[in-house]
PDB file of N, CA and C in Angstrom:
ATOM      1  N   MET A   1       0.270-152.663-130.062  1.00  0.00           N
ATOM      2  CA  MET A   1      -0.901-153.530-129.961  1.00  0.00           C
ATOM      3  C   MET A   1      -1.184-154.198-131.303  1.00  0.00           C
ATOM      4  N   LYS A   2      -1.049-153.427-132.378  1.00  0.00           N
ATOM      5  CA  LYS A   2      -1.313-153.963-133.713  1.00  0.00           C
ATOM      6  C   LYS A   2      -0.312-155.062-134.053  1.00  0.00           C
ATOM      7  N   ARG A   3       0.921-154.871-133.629  1.00  0.00           N
ATOM      8  CA  ARG A   3       1.968-155.862-133.918  1.00  0.00           C
ATOM      9  C   ARG A   3       1.681-157.180-133.187  1.00  0.00           C
ATOM     10  N   ILE A   4       1.229-157.102-131.950  1.00  0.00           N
ATOM     11  CA  ILE A   4       0.887-158.298-131.176  1.00  0.00           C
ATOM     12  C   ILE A   4      -0.259-159.045-131.841  1.00  0.00           C
ATOM     13  N   THR A   5      -1.252-158.311-132.309  1.00  0.00           N
ATOM     14  CA  THR A   5      -2.391-158.929-132.981  1.00  0.00           C
ATOM     15  C   THR A   5      -1.947-159.672-134.237  1.00  0.00           C
ATOM     16  N   ILE A   6      -1.078-159.068-135.007  1.00  0.00           N
ATOM     17  CA  ILE A   6      -0.584-159.698-136.234  1.00  0.00           C
ATOM     18  C   ILE A   6       0.203-160.964-135.908  1.00  0.00           C
ATOM     19  N   VAL A   7       1.044-160.912-134.883  1.00  0.00           N
ATOM     20  CA  VAL A   7       1.837-162.078-134.496  1.00  0.00           C
ATOM     21  C   VAL A   7       0.930-163.201-134.010  1.00  0.00           C
ATOM     22  N   LEU A   8      -0.052-162.866-133.189  1.00  0.00           N
ATOM     23  CA  LEU A   8      -0.983-163.889-132.699  1.00  0.00           C
ATOM     24  C   LEU A   8      -1.800-164.497-133.831  1.00  0.00           C
ATOM     25  N   LEU A   9      -2.239-163.676-134.759  1.00  0.00           N
ATOM     26  CA  LEU A   9      -2.996-164.169-135.909  1.00  0.00           C
ATOM     27  C   LEU A   9      -2.136-165.088-136.774  1.00  0.00           C
ATOM     28  N   ALA A  10      -0.899-164.732-136.971  1.00  0.00           N
ATOM     29  CA  ALA A  10       0.017-165.573-137.751  1.00  0.00           C
ATOM     30  C   ALA A  10       0.249-166.912-137.055  1.00  0.00           C
ATOM     31  N   ALA A  11       0.440-166.881-135.742  1.00  0.00           N
ATOM     32  CA  ALA A  11       0.659-168.119-134.992  1.00  0.00           C
ATOM     33  C   ALA A  11      -0.575-169.006-135.048  1.00  0.00           C
ATOM     34  N   LEU A  12      -1.744-168.413-134.912  1.00  0.00           N
ATOM     35  CA  LEU A  12      -2.987-169.173-134.996  1.00  0.00           C
ATOM     36  C   LEU A  12      -3.153-169.788-136.378  1.00  0.00           C
ATOM     37  N   SER A  13      -2.865-169.024-137.403  1.00  0.00           N
ATOM     38  CA  SER A  13      -2.978-169.529-138.777  1.00  0.00           C
ATOM     39  C   SER A  13      -2.039-170.706-139.014  1.00  0.00           C
ATOM     40  N   LEU A  14      -0.820-170.595-138.534  1.00  0.00           N
ATOM     41  CA  LEU A  14       0.142-171.681-138.708  1.00  0.00           C
ATOM     42  C   LEU A  14      -0.299-172.940-137.974  1.00  0.00           C
ATOM     43  N   SER A  15      -0.824-172.783-136.769  1.00  0.00           N
ATOM     44  CA  SER A  15      -1.253-173.966-136.021  1.00  0.00           C
ATOM     45  C   SER A  15      -2.459-174.626-136.686  1.00  0.00           C
ATOM     46  N   VAL A  16      -3.365-173.832-137.220  1.00  0.00           N
ATOM     47  CA  VAL A  16      -4.530-174.390-137.906  1.00  0.00           C
ATOM     48  C   VAL A  16      -4.101-175.106-139.179  1.00  0.00           C
ATOM     49  N   LEU A  17      -3.230-174.473-139.948  1.00  0.00           N
ATOM     50  CA  LEU A  17      -2.790-175.077-141.208  1.00  0.00           C
ATOM     51  C   LEU A  17      -1.924-176.308-140.988  1.00  0.00           C
ATOM     52  N   SER A  18      -1.163-176.346-139.918  1.00  0.00           N
ATOM     53  CA  SER A  18      -0.341-177.534-139.667  1.00  0.00           C
ATOM     54  C   SER A  18      -1.198-178.688-139.166  1.00  0.00           C
ATOM     55  N   GLY A  19      -2.350-178.392-138.609  1.00  0.00           N
ATOM     56  CA  GLY A  19      -3.244-179.433-138.108  1.00  0.00           C
ATOM     57  C   GLY A  19      -4.005-180.145-139.204  1.00  0.00           C
ATOM     58  N   CYS A  20      -4.181-179.509-140.323  1.00  0.00           N
ATOM     59  CA  CYS A  20      -4.899-180.157-141.432  1.00  0.00           C
ATOM     60  C   CYS A  20      -4.012-180.101-142.664  1.00  0.00           C
ATOM     61  N   ASN A  21      -3.530-181.244-143.071  1.00  0.00           N
ATOM     62  CA  ASN A  21      -2.539-181.320-144.142  1.00  0.00           C
ATOM     63  C   ASN A  21      -3.153-181.332-145.532  1.00  0.00           C
ATOM     64  N   THR A  22      -4.445-181.573-145.635  1.00  0.00           N
ATOM     65  CA  THR A  22      -5.059-181.685-146.950  1.00  0.00           C
ATOM     66  C   THR A  22      -6.287-180.788-147.038  1.00  0.00           C
ATOM     67  N   VAL A  23      -6.786-180.642-148.227  1.00  0.00           N
ATOM     68  CA  VAL A  23      -8.005-179.868-148.432  1.00  0.00           C
ATOM     69  C   VAL A  23      -9.167-180.531-147.696  1.00  0.00           C
ATOM     70  N   ALA A  24      -9.195-181.855-147.697  1.00  0.00           N
ATOM     71  CA  ALA A  24     -10.246-182.580-146.971  1.00  0.00           C
ATOM     72  C   ALA A  24     -10.141-182.290-145.485  1.00  0.00           C
ATOM     73  N   GLY A  25      -8.939-182.202-144.969  1.00  0.00           N
ATOM     74  CA  GLY A  25      -8.736-181.878-143.558  1.00  0.00           C
ATOM     75  C   GLY A  25      -9.239-180.481-143.224  1.00  0.00           C
ATOM     76  N   ILE A  26      -8.999-179.547-144.116  1.00  0.00           N
ATOM     77  CA  ILE A  26      -9.485-178.178-143.911  1.00  0.00           C
ATOM     78  C   ILE A  26     -11.008-178.178-143.908  1.00  0.00           C
ATOM     79  N   GLY A  27     -11.604-178.937-144.823  1.00  0.00           N
ATOM     80  CA  GLY A  27     -13.065-179.022-144.881  1.00  0.00           C
ATOM     81  C   GLY A  27     -13.644-179.597-143.596  1.00  0.00           C
ATOM     82  N   LYS A  28     -13.014-180.626-143.053  1.00  0.00           N
ATOM     83  CA  LYS A  28     -13.486-181.228-141.803  1.00  0.00           C
ATOM     84  C   LYS A  28     -13.372-180.238-140.648  1.00  0.00           C
ATOM     85  N   ASP A  29     -12.260-179.502-140.605  1.00  0.00           N
ATOM     86  CA  ASP A  29     -12.078-178.514-139.552  1.00  0.00           C
ATOM     87  C   ASP A  29     -13.130-177.412-139.640  1.00  0.00           C
ATOM     88  N   MET A  30     -13.413-176.969-140.857  1.00  0.00           N
ATOM     89  CA  MET A  30     -14.427-175.927-141.048  1.00  0.00           C
ATOM     90  C   MET A  30     -15.803-176.440-140.636  1.00  0.00           C
ATOM     91  N   GLN A  31     -16.077-177.700-140.953  1.00  0.00           N
ATOM     92  CA  GLN A  31     -17.359-178.288-140.598  1.00  0.00           C
ATOM     93  C   GLN A  31     -17.503-178.364-139.079  1.00  0.00           C
ATOM     94  N   LYS A  32     -16.457-178.782-138.394  1.00  0.00           N
ATOM     95  CA  LYS A  32     -16.509-178.857-136.929  1.00  0.00           C
ATOM     96  C   LYS A  32     -16.705-177.474-136.323  1.00  0.00           C
ATOM     97  N   ALA A  33     -16.029-176.477-136.878  1.00  0.00           N
ATOM     98  CA  ALA A  33     -16.184-175.108-136.377  1.00  0.00           C
ATOM     99  C   ALA A  33     -17.620-174.638-136.581  1.00  0.00           C
ATOM    100  N   GLY A  34     -18.200-174.957-137.739  1.00  0.00           N
ATOM    101  CA  GLY A  34     -19.588-174.587-138.014  1.00  0.00           C
ATOM    102  C   GLY A  34     -20.550-175.266-137.065  1.00  0.00           C
ATOM    103  N   GLU A  35     -20.283-176.517-136.742  1.00  0.00           N
ATOM    104  CA  GLU A  35     -21.141-177.240-135.804  1.00  0.00           C
ATOM    105  C   GLU A  35     -21.071-176.620-134.411  1.00  0.00           C
ATOM    106  N   LYS A  36     -19.890-176.178-133.999  1.00  0.00           N
ATOM    107  CA  LYS A  36     -19.740-175.527-132.687  1.00  0.00           C
ATOM    108  C   LYS A  36     -20.539-174.228-132.647  1.00  0.00           C
ATOM    109  N   VAL A  37     -20.445-173.443-133.722  1.00  0.00           N
ATOM    110  CA  VAL A  37     -21.181-172.178-133.784  1.00  0.00           C
ATOM    111  C   VAL A  37     -22.681-172.451-133.776  1.00  0.00           C
ATOM    112  N   GLU A  38     -23.097-173.442-134.541  1.00  0.00           N
ATOM    113  CA  GLU A  38     -24.515-173.782-134.598  1.00  0.00           C
ATOM    114  C   GLU A  38     -25.019-174.253-133.225  1.00  0.00           C
ATOM    115  N   GLY A  39     -24.218-175.066-132.547  1.00  0.00           N
ATOM    116  CA  GLY A  39     -24.586-175.531-131.220  1.00  0.00           C
ATOM    117  C   GLY A  39     -24.700-174.396-130.210  1.00  0.00           C
ATOM    118  N   ALA A  40     -23.789-173.447-130.307  1.00  0.00           N
ATOM    119  CA  ALA A  40     -23.837-172.291-129.412  1.00  0.00           C
ATOM    120  C   ALA A  40     -25.067-171.439-129.687  1.00  0.00           C
ATOM    121  N   ALA A  41     -25.437-171.328-130.954  1.00  0.00           N
ATOM    122  CA  ALA A  41     -26.618-170.528-131.317  1.00  0.00           C
ATOM    123  C   ALA A  41     -27.886-171.227-130.852  1.00  0.00           C
ATOM    124  N   ASP A  42     -27.919-172.549-130.911  1.00  0.00           N
ATOM    125  CA  ASP A  42     -29.095-173.298-130.474  1.00  0.00           C
ATOM    126  C   ASP A  42     -29.327-173.184-128.972  1.00  0.00           C
ATOM    127  N   ARG A  43     -28.245-173.072-128.208  1.00  0.00           N
ATOM    128  CA  ARG A  43     -28.343-172.981-126.756  1.00  0.00           C
ATOM    129  C   ARG A  43     -28.904-171.656-126.282  1.00  0.00           C
ATOM    130  N   LYS A  44     -28.825-170.635-127.102  1.00  0.00           N
ATOM    131  CA  LYS A  44     -29.298-169.300-126.673  1.00  0.00           C
ATOM    132  C   LYS A  44     -30.739-169.095-126.974  1.00  0.00           C
TER     133      LYS A  44
END
């Protein structure tokens, strides 16, 4: 089970990092993730 978790985490990390090629891209992705979390919190 631990091995599957590590493999899935690695795959997720690679897909996230390949989606944003620059530091600015990472910042935009983090901002969008924060907005989603904030929106979910507002709905509750």
